[in-house]
């Protein structure tokens, strides 16, 4: 398992870390993390109907994801939430800790990343550092550098 803090240091990516009780939902995050600045993200790990494609969708925490519309935008028959086993296999995290930073564990580049344009309007964005007991606030330019380093397929969409 890769160490996200070492990777961020290697890439020269600055962040501010906030520790808090474990949060598994956006509602719990609203209670424990309301003081944290930046665009608050919600991250969904999805699979297509065949189970041969995986997507990490990151959008504003307050936004509802329309999976039927997203499937249409991606030319997929249907999308559903991937199992905890798939989540661990591809991103190295457990439910409640889904994060774009988990891409460091997708060595075979099998996960496509979809970032909602509304989240991308923020100058800084919040993401878990592979655990749901902390939140990192990262500037968008630094996050772009991280995403370039991962070499994942990246789409910016209005979800």
N, C-alpha and C. Protein backbone atom coordinates (compact mmCIF):
# COMPACT_ATOMS: atom_id res chain seq x y z
N UNK A 1 0.85 -1.18 0.00
CA UNK A 1 0.00 0.00 0.00
C UNK A 1 0.89 1.25 0.00
N UNK A 2 0.61 2.16 -0.86
CA UNK A 2 1.40 3.38 -0.98
C UNK A 2 1.06 4.36 0.15
N UNK A 3 2.01 5.18 0.50
CA UNK A 3 1.82 6.19 1.53
C UNK A 3 1.52 7.52 0.84
N UNK A 4 0.30 8.02 1.00
CA UNK A 4 -0.12 9.24 0.31
C UNK A 4 0.72 10.44 0.74
N UNK A 5 1.12 10.50 2.00
CA UNK A 5 1.90 11.65 2.47
C UNK A 5 3.28 11.68 1.79
N UNK A 6 3.89 10.53 1.59
CA UNK A 6 5.18 10.47 0.90
C UNK A 6 5.04 10.91 -0.55
N UNK A 7 3.98 10.46 -1.21
CA UNK A 7 3.75 10.83 -2.61
C UNK A 7 3.53 12.34 -2.73
N UNK A 8 2.69 12.90 -1.86
CA UNK A 8 2.43 14.35 -1.91
C UNK A 8 3.73 15.13 -1.67
N UNK A 9 4.56 14.64 -0.75
CA UNK A 9 5.84 15.31 -0.48
C UNK A 9 6.74 15.23 -1.71
N UNK A 10 6.84 14.05 -2.32
CA UNK A 10 7.66 13.88 -3.53
C UNK A 10 7.23 14.82 -4.65
N UNK A 11 5.92 15.04 -4.77
CA UNK A 11 5.38 15.88 -5.84
C UNK A 11 5.40 17.36 -5.47
N UNK A 12 5.81 17.69 -4.25
CA UNK A 12 5.84 19.09 -3.81
C UNK A 12 4.45 19.67 -3.64
N UNK A 13 3.51 18.82 -3.25
CA UNK A 13 2.12 19.26 -3.10
C UNK A 13 1.88 19.67 -1.66
N UNK A 14 1.44 20.91 -1.49
CA UNK A 14 1.12 21.43 -0.17
C UNK A 14 -0.32 21.09 0.18
N UNK A 15 -0.57 20.92 1.45
CA UNK A 15 -1.92 20.64 1.93
C UNK A 15 -2.00 21.07 3.38
N UNK A 16 -3.21 21.25 3.83
CA UNK A 16 -3.47 21.47 5.25
C UNK A 16 -4.29 20.28 5.71
N UNK A 17 -3.86 19.66 6.80
CA UNK A 17 -4.54 18.47 7.30
C UNK A 17 -5.39 18.81 8.52
N UNK A 18 -6.60 18.27 8.53
CA UNK A 18 -7.52 18.41 9.64
C UNK A 18 -7.90 17.00 10.10
N UNK A 19 -7.68 16.70 11.37
CA UNK A 19 -8.11 15.42 11.90
C UNK A 19 -9.47 15.58 12.56
N UNK A 20 -10.23 14.49 12.57
CA UNK A 20 -11.59 14.52 13.11
C UNK A 20 -12.05 13.09 13.37
N UNK A 21 -13.19 12.92 14.06
CA UNK A 21 -13.72 11.57 14.22
C UNK A 21 -14.03 10.96 12.85
N UNK A 22 -14.06 9.65 12.78
CA UNK A 22 -14.37 8.97 11.53
C UNK A 22 -15.72 9.44 11.00
N UNK A 23 -15.78 9.78 9.71
CA UNK A 23 -17.02 10.17 9.06
C UNK A 23 -17.27 9.23 7.89
N UNK A 24 -18.48 8.68 7.85
CA UNK A 24 -18.83 7.72 6.81
C UNK A 24 -19.81 8.28 5.80
N UNK A 25 -20.45 9.40 6.14
CA UNK A 25 -21.44 10.01 5.25
C UNK A 25 -21.21 11.51 5.20
N UNK A 26 -21.83 12.14 4.22
CA UNK A 26 -21.75 13.61 4.13
C UNK A 26 -22.44 14.26 5.34
N UNK A 27 -23.47 13.62 5.85
CA UNK A 27 -24.17 14.15 7.02
C UNK A 27 -23.25 14.16 8.24
N UNK A 28 -22.49 13.07 8.44
CA UNK A 28 -21.53 13.04 9.54
C UNK A 28 -20.43 14.07 9.33
N UNK A 29 -20.02 14.24 8.11
CA UNK A 29 -19.01 15.23 7.79
C UNK A 29 -19.52 16.64 8.11
N UNK A 30 -20.80 16.89 7.85
CA UNK A 30 -21.37 18.20 8.17
C UNK A 30 -21.25 18.51 9.66
N UNK A 31 -21.33 17.49 10.49
CA UNK A 31 -21.23 17.67 11.94
C UNK A 31 -19.78 17.92 12.36
N UNK A 32 -18.86 17.08 11.88
CA UNK A 32 -17.49 17.11 12.38
C UNK A 32 -16.52 17.96 11.55
N UNK A 33 -16.90 18.33 10.34
CA UNK A 33 -15.93 18.97 9.44
C UNK A 33 -16.41 20.31 8.90
N UNK A 34 -17.42 20.89 9.52
CA UNK A 34 -17.98 22.13 8.98
C UNK A 34 -16.98 23.29 9.01
N UNK A 35 -15.98 23.23 9.86
CA UNK A 35 -14.98 24.29 9.98
C UNK A 35 -13.88 24.21 8.92
N UNK A 36 -13.86 23.15 8.15
CA UNK A 36 -12.78 22.96 7.18
C UNK A 36 -13.08 23.75 5.91
N UNK A 37 -12.13 24.56 5.44
CA UNK A 37 -12.36 25.37 4.24
C UNK A 37 -12.24 24.56 2.96
N UNK A 38 -12.71 25.14 1.86
CA UNK A 38 -12.54 24.53 0.54
C UNK A 38 -13.76 23.78 0.08
N UNK A 39 -13.73 23.38 -1.19
CA UNK A 39 -14.84 22.64 -1.78
C UNK A 39 -14.94 21.25 -1.15
N UNK A 40 -16.06 20.99 -0.56
CA UNK A 40 -16.28 19.71 0.11
C UNK A 40 -16.71 18.68 -0.92
N UNK A 41 -15.96 17.57 -1.01
CA UNK A 41 -16.23 16.59 -2.05
C UNK A 41 -16.98 15.38 -1.52
N UNK A 42 -17.73 14.78 -2.43
CA UNK A 42 -18.35 13.47 -2.23
C UNK A 42 -17.76 12.59 -3.31
N UNK A 43 -17.34 11.39 -2.94
CA UNK A 43 -16.64 10.51 -3.87
C UNK A 43 -17.36 9.18 -3.97
N UNK A 44 -17.68 8.78 -5.19
CA UNK A 44 -18.41 7.55 -5.44
C UNK A 44 -17.55 6.62 -6.29
N UNK A 45 -17.48 5.36 -5.88
CA UNK A 45 -16.75 4.38 -6.66
C UNK A 45 -17.77 3.47 -7.33
N UNK A 46 -17.83 3.57 -8.66
CA UNK A 46 -18.87 2.90 -9.43
C UNK A 46 -18.29 1.89 -10.41
N UNK A 47 -19.14 0.98 -10.82
CA UNK A 47 -18.78 0.01 -11.86
C UNK A 47 -19.88 -0.02 -12.90
N UNK A 48 -19.51 -0.44 -14.11
CA UNK A 48 -20.54 -0.57 -15.14
C UNK A 48 -21.27 -1.90 -14.96
N UNK A 49 -22.28 -2.12 -15.79
CA UNK A 49 -23.12 -3.30 -15.64
C UNK A 49 -22.33 -4.60 -15.78
N UNK A 50 -21.37 -4.64 -16.71
CA UNK A 50 -20.54 -5.84 -16.92
C UNK A 50 -19.51 -6.03 -15.81
N UNK A 51 -19.19 -4.96 -15.10
CA UNK A 51 -18.17 -5.05 -14.06
C UNK A 51 -16.76 -4.98 -14.59
N UNK A 52 -16.61 -4.57 -15.86
CA UNK A 52 -15.27 -4.51 -16.44
C UNK A 52 -14.71 -3.08 -16.52
N UNK A 53 -15.49 -2.10 -16.09
CA UNK A 53 -15.02 -0.71 -16.05
C UNK A 53 -15.40 -0.12 -14.70
N UNK A 54 -14.47 0.68 -14.17
CA UNK A 54 -14.69 1.31 -12.87
C UNK A 54 -14.49 2.81 -12.99
N UNK A 55 -15.28 3.54 -12.22
CA UNK A 55 -15.25 5.00 -12.26
C UNK A 55 -15.19 5.55 -10.84
N UNK A 56 -14.32 6.53 -10.65
CA UNK A 56 -14.30 7.29 -9.42
C UNK A 56 -14.90 8.64 -9.75
N UNK A 57 -16.03 8.92 -9.15
CA UNK A 57 -16.77 10.16 -9.42
C UNK A 57 -16.62 11.06 -8.20
N UNK A 58 -16.14 12.28 -8.43
CA UNK A 58 -15.99 13.23 -7.34
C UNK A 58 -16.81 14.47 -7.68
N UNK A 59 -17.69 14.84 -6.75
CA UNK A 59 -18.62 15.94 -6.97
C UNK A 59 -18.83 16.68 -5.68
N UNK A 60 -19.47 17.86 -5.72
CA UNK A 60 -19.73 18.59 -4.48
C UNK A 60 -20.57 17.74 -3.54
N UNK A 61 -20.25 17.78 -2.26
CA UNK A 61 -20.93 16.96 -1.26
C UNK A 61 -22.44 17.17 -1.26
N UNK A 62 -22.87 18.38 -1.55
CA UNK A 62 -24.30 18.68 -1.49
C UNK A 62 -25.05 18.27 -2.76
N UNK A 63 -24.33 17.86 -3.78
CA UNK A 63 -24.95 17.55 -5.07
C UNK A 63 -25.37 16.08 -5.12
N UNK A 64 -26.53 15.83 -5.65
CA UNK A 64 -27.02 14.46 -5.82
C UNK A 64 -26.54 13.93 -7.17
N UNK A 65 -26.00 12.74 -7.16
CA UNK A 65 -25.51 12.13 -8.41
C UNK A 65 -26.66 11.41 -9.11
N UNK A 66 -26.86 11.75 -10.36
CA UNK A 66 -27.87 11.08 -11.18
C UNK A 66 -27.14 9.98 -11.97
N UNK A 67 -27.18 8.76 -11.43
CA UNK A 67 -26.41 7.67 -12.04
C UNK A 67 -26.93 7.28 -13.41
N UNK A 68 -28.24 7.43 -13.65
CA UNK A 68 -28.78 7.12 -14.97
C UNK A 68 -28.24 8.09 -16.01
N UNK A 69 -28.23 9.36 -15.68
CA UNK A 69 -27.70 10.36 -16.60
C UNK A 69 -26.19 10.18 -16.79
N UNK A 70 -25.49 9.88 -15.71
CA UNK A 70 -24.05 9.67 -15.81
C UNK A 70 -23.75 8.47 -16.70
N UNK A 71 -24.52 7.40 -16.55
CA UNK A 71 -24.34 6.22 -17.41
C UNK A 71 -24.53 6.60 -18.87
N UNK A 72 -25.53 7.43 -19.14
CA UNK A 72 -25.78 7.89 -20.51
C UNK A 72 -24.59 8.70 -21.03
N UNK A 73 -24.06 9.62 -20.20
CA UNK A 73 -22.92 10.44 -20.61
C UNK A 73 -21.68 9.59 -20.90
N UNK A 74 -21.57 8.45 -20.22
CA UNK A 74 -20.41 7.58 -20.38
C UNK A 74 -20.66 6.45 -21.37
N UNK A 75 -21.82 6.47 -22.01
CA UNK A 75 -22.21 5.41 -22.95
C UNK A 75 -22.21 4.03 -22.31
N UNK A 76 -22.67 3.97 -21.07
CA UNK A 76 -22.80 2.72 -20.34
C UNK A 76 -24.28 2.38 -20.21
N UNK A 77 -24.60 1.08 -20.15
CA UNK A 77 -25.99 0.67 -19.95
C UNK A 77 -26.49 1.08 -18.57
N UNK A 78 -25.65 0.85 -17.57
CA UNK A 78 -26.02 1.17 -16.19
C UNK A 78 -24.77 1.27 -15.35
N UNK A 79 -24.88 2.01 -14.26
CA UNK A 79 -23.80 2.12 -13.28
C UNK A 79 -24.37 1.76 -11.92
N UNK A 80 -23.53 1.14 -11.11
CA UNK A 80 -23.92 0.84 -9.74
C UNK A 80 -22.70 0.97 -8.85
N UNK A 81 -22.94 0.99 -7.55
CA UNK A 81 -21.83 1.10 -6.61
C UNK A 81 -21.03 -0.19 -6.62
N UNK A 82 -19.72 -0.05 -6.64
CA UNK A 82 -18.83 -1.20 -6.61
C UNK A 82 -18.78 -1.76 -5.19
N UNK A 83 -18.46 -3.01 -5.08
CA UNK A 83 -18.39 -3.69 -3.78
C UNK A 83 -17.20 -3.19 -2.96
N UNK A 84 -17.25 -3.40 -1.65
CA UNK A 84 -16.10 -3.07 -0.82
C UNK A 84 -14.83 -3.81 -1.26
N UNK A 85 -14.97 -5.01 -1.77
CA UNK A 85 -13.82 -5.77 -2.25
C UNK A 85 -13.18 -5.09 -3.46
N UNK A 86 -14.00 -4.63 -4.39
CA UNK A 86 -13.48 -3.91 -5.56
C UNK A 86 -12.84 -2.59 -5.13
N UNK A 87 -13.46 -1.92 -4.19
CA UNK A 87 -12.93 -0.66 -3.68
C UNK A 87 -11.53 -0.87 -3.10
N UNK A 88 -11.37 -1.91 -2.34
CA UNK A 88 -10.05 -2.22 -1.77
C UNK A 88 -9.07 -2.62 -2.86
N UNK A 89 -9.51 -3.43 -3.81
CA UNK A 89 -8.63 -3.90 -4.88
C UNK A 89 -8.08 -2.74 -5.72
N UNK A 90 -8.94 -1.81 -6.10
CA UNK A 90 -8.52 -0.76 -7.03
C UNK A 90 -7.99 0.50 -6.35
N UNK A 91 -8.57 0.90 -5.21
CA UNK A 91 -8.17 2.16 -4.58
C UNK A 91 -7.50 1.97 -3.22
N UNK A 92 -7.56 0.75 -2.68
CA UNK A 92 -6.90 0.49 -1.41
C UNK A 92 -7.54 1.17 -0.22
N UNK A 93 -8.85 1.41 -0.31
CA UNK A 93 -9.58 2.04 0.79
C UNK A 93 -10.85 1.26 1.10
N UNK A 94 -11.44 1.58 2.24
CA UNK A 94 -12.68 0.95 2.67
C UNK A 94 -13.84 1.92 2.49
N UNK A 95 -15.08 1.44 2.50
CA UNK A 95 -16.23 2.33 2.40
C UNK A 95 -16.15 3.43 3.47
N UNK A 96 -16.50 4.63 3.07
CA UNK A 96 -16.39 5.78 3.96
C UNK A 96 -15.09 6.54 3.78
N UNK A 97 -14.13 5.93 3.11
CA UNK A 97 -12.83 6.56 2.90
C UNK A 97 -12.52 6.77 1.42
N UNK A 98 -13.52 6.66 0.57
CA UNK A 98 -13.31 6.82 -0.87
C UNK A 98 -12.77 8.22 -1.14
N UNK A 99 -11.72 8.29 -1.93
CA UNK A 99 -11.03 9.54 -2.17
C UNK A 99 -10.28 9.49 -3.49
N UNK A 100 -10.15 10.63 -4.11
CA UNK A 100 -9.37 10.72 -5.34
C UNK A 100 -7.91 10.38 -5.09
N UNK A 101 -7.45 10.56 -3.85
CA UNK A 101 -6.07 10.26 -3.51
C UNK A 101 -5.80 8.75 -3.51
N UNK A 102 -6.85 7.94 -3.48
CA UNK A 102 -6.71 6.50 -3.58
C UNK A 102 -6.18 6.05 -4.92
N UNK A 103 -6.14 6.93 -5.89
CA UNK A 103 -5.61 6.58 -7.21
C UNK A 103 -4.14 6.15 -7.15
N UNK A 104 -3.45 6.49 -6.07
CA UNK A 104 -2.06 6.04 -5.94
C UNK A 104 -1.98 4.52 -5.89
N UNK A 105 -3.07 3.85 -5.54
CA UNK A 105 -3.08 2.40 -5.44
C UNK A 105 -3.58 1.70 -6.70
N UNK A 106 -3.99 2.46 -7.71
CA UNK A 106 -4.47 1.87 -8.96
C UNK A 106 -3.30 1.75 -9.94
N UNK A 107 -2.43 0.80 -9.65
CA UNK A 107 -1.19 0.65 -10.41
C UNK A 107 -1.42 0.38 -11.89
N UNK A 108 -2.50 -0.30 -12.24
CA UNK A 108 -2.77 -0.65 -13.64
C UNK A 108 -3.64 0.37 -14.36
N UNK A 109 -3.92 1.48 -13.71
CA UNK A 109 -4.70 2.59 -14.31
C UNK A 109 -6.04 2.09 -14.84
N UNK A 110 -6.77 1.35 -14.02
CA UNK A 110 -8.04 0.76 -14.43
C UNK A 110 -9.26 1.59 -14.04
N UNK A 111 -9.05 2.65 -13.28
CA UNK A 111 -10.16 3.48 -12.81
C UNK A 111 -10.16 4.81 -13.57
N UNK A 112 -11.28 5.11 -14.20
CA UNK A 112 -11.44 6.42 -14.85
C UNK A 112 -11.96 7.41 -13.80
N UNK A 113 -11.48 8.63 -13.87
CA UNK A 113 -11.84 9.66 -12.89
C UNK A 113 -12.77 10.66 -13.54
N UNK A 114 -13.86 10.95 -12.85
CA UNK A 114 -14.82 11.95 -13.33
C UNK A 114 -14.94 13.01 -12.26
N UNK A 115 -14.60 14.23 -12.61
CA UNK A 115 -14.69 15.35 -11.68
C UNK A 115 -15.82 16.26 -12.15
N UNK A 116 -16.76 16.51 -11.26
CA UNK A 116 -17.86 17.40 -11.59
C UNK A 116 -17.36 18.84 -11.69
N UNK A 117 -17.77 19.52 -12.74
CA UNK A 117 -17.33 20.90 -12.98
C UNK A 117 -17.68 21.83 -11.82
N UNK A 118 -18.78 21.58 -11.13
CA UNK A 118 -19.17 22.45 -10.02
C UNK A 118 -18.17 22.35 -8.86
N UNK A 119 -17.61 21.19 -8.63
CA UNK A 119 -16.59 21.04 -7.59
C UNK A 119 -15.30 21.73 -8.03
N UNK A 120 -15.01 21.64 -9.32
CA UNK A 120 -13.76 22.16 -9.86
C UNK A 120 -13.71 23.68 -9.88
N UNK A 121 -14.83 24.34 -9.58
CA UNK A 121 -14.86 25.81 -9.52
C UNK A 121 -14.16 26.33 -8.26
N UNK A 122 -13.96 25.46 -7.27
CA UNK A 122 -13.32 25.86 -6.02
C UNK A 122 -11.82 25.97 -6.19
N UNK A 123 -11.22 26.92 -5.48
CA UNK A 123 -9.76 27.08 -5.52
C UNK A 123 -9.06 25.97 -4.73
N UNK A 124 -9.70 25.54 -3.64
CA UNK A 124 -9.18 24.43 -2.84
C UNK A 124 -10.29 23.38 -2.70
N UNK A 125 -9.86 22.13 -2.55
CA UNK A 125 -10.81 21.02 -2.47
C UNK A 125 -10.40 20.11 -1.31
N UNK A 126 -11.41 19.51 -0.67
CA UNK A 126 -11.18 18.60 0.46
C UNK A 126 -11.22 17.14 0.01
N UNK A 127 -10.23 16.37 0.48
CA UNK A 127 -10.21 14.93 0.22
C UNK A 127 -9.63 14.19 1.42
N UNK A 128 -10.14 13.00 1.69
CA UNK A 128 -9.58 12.14 2.73
C UNK A 128 -8.21 11.61 2.26
N UNK A 129 -7.26 11.48 3.18
CA UNK A 129 -5.95 10.91 2.85
C UNK A 129 -5.95 9.38 3.04
N UNK A 130 -6.88 8.69 2.38
CA UNK A 130 -7.04 7.23 2.42
C UNK A 130 -7.65 6.72 3.72
N UNK A 131 -8.05 7.62 4.60
CA UNK A 131 -8.74 7.28 5.83
C UNK A 131 -9.77 8.36 6.10
N UNK A 132 -10.88 7.97 6.74
CA UNK A 132 -11.94 8.94 6.97
C UNK A 132 -11.83 9.63 8.33
N UNK A 133 -10.64 9.60 8.93
CA UNK A 133 -10.40 10.30 10.20
C UNK A 133 -9.58 11.58 10.00
N UNK A 134 -9.40 11.95 8.76
CA UNK A 134 -8.68 13.19 8.43
C UNK A 134 -9.16 13.70 7.08
N UNK A 135 -8.97 14.99 6.88
CA UNK A 135 -9.30 15.63 5.60
C UNK A 135 -8.13 16.52 5.23
N UNK A 136 -7.72 16.43 3.97
CA UNK A 136 -6.68 17.31 3.45
C UNK A 136 -7.33 18.37 2.58
N UNK A 137 -6.91 19.60 2.74
CA UNK A 137 -7.34 20.69 1.86
C UNK A 137 -6.18 20.95 0.91
N UNK A 138 -6.46 20.79 -0.38
CA UNK A 138 -5.43 20.88 -1.41
C UNK A 138 -5.86 21.90 -2.47
N UNK A 139 -4.92 22.74 -2.89
CA UNK A 139 -5.23 23.68 -3.97
C UNK A 139 -5.45 22.92 -5.27
N UNK A 140 -6.36 23.44 -6.07
CA UNK A 140 -6.71 22.78 -7.33
C UNK A 140 -5.50 22.57 -8.23
N UNK A 141 -4.59 23.53 -8.31
CA UNK A 141 -3.40 23.38 -9.14
C UNK A 141 -2.54 22.21 -8.66
N UNK A 142 -2.41 22.06 -7.35
CA UNK A 142 -1.66 20.94 -6.80
C UNK A 142 -2.37 19.62 -7.07
N UNK A 143 -3.69 19.61 -6.96
CA UNK A 143 -4.44 18.40 -7.25
C UNK A 143 -4.28 18.02 -8.73
N UNK A 144 -4.25 19.01 -9.60
CA UNK A 144 -4.00 18.75 -11.02
C UNK A 144 -2.64 18.06 -11.22
N UNK A 145 -1.64 18.52 -10.48
CA UNK A 145 -0.30 17.92 -10.57
C UNK A 145 -0.36 16.45 -10.12
N UNK A 146 -1.10 16.18 -9.05
CA UNK A 146 -1.26 14.81 -8.58
C UNK A 146 -1.95 13.96 -9.65
N UNK A 147 -3.01 14.49 -10.25
CA UNK A 147 -3.75 13.73 -11.27
C UNK A 147 -2.89 13.47 -12.50
N UNK A 148 -2.06 14.42 -12.89
CA UNK A 148 -1.15 14.20 -14.01
C UNK A 148 -0.15 13.09 -13.66
N UNK A 149 0.32 13.09 -12.42
CA UNK A 149 1.25 12.06 -11.97
C UNK A 149 0.61 10.67 -12.03
N UNK A 150 -0.68 10.56 -11.71
CA UNK A 150 -1.35 9.25 -11.71
C UNK A 150 -1.57 8.72 -13.12
N UNK A 151 -1.63 9.61 -14.11
CA UNK A 151 -1.88 9.25 -15.51
C UNK A 151 -3.19 8.48 -15.70
N UNK A 152 -4.20 8.80 -14.90
CA UNK A 152 -5.51 8.17 -15.04
C UNK A 152 -6.28 8.85 -16.18
N UNK A 153 -7.28 8.16 -16.70
CA UNK A 153 -8.22 8.80 -17.61
C UNK A 153 -9.04 9.77 -16.78
N UNK A 154 -9.13 11.02 -17.21
CA UNK A 154 -9.79 12.07 -16.44
C UNK A 154 -10.82 12.78 -17.31
N UNK A 155 -12.04 12.88 -16.79
CA UNK A 155 -13.12 13.59 -17.48
C UNK A 155 -13.68 14.66 -16.57
N UNK A 156 -13.93 15.84 -17.11
CA UNK A 156 -14.63 16.89 -16.38
C UNK A 156 -16.04 16.95 -16.97
N UNK A 157 -17.05 16.72 -16.15
CA UNK A 157 -18.45 16.70 -16.61
C UNK A 157 -19.34 17.47 -15.66
N UNK A 158 -20.48 17.87 -16.17
CA UNK A 158 -21.56 18.38 -15.31
C UNK A 158 -22.44 17.18 -15.00
N UNK A 159 -22.40 16.74 -13.77
CA UNK A 159 -23.13 15.54 -13.38
C UNK A 159 -24.51 15.93 -12.86
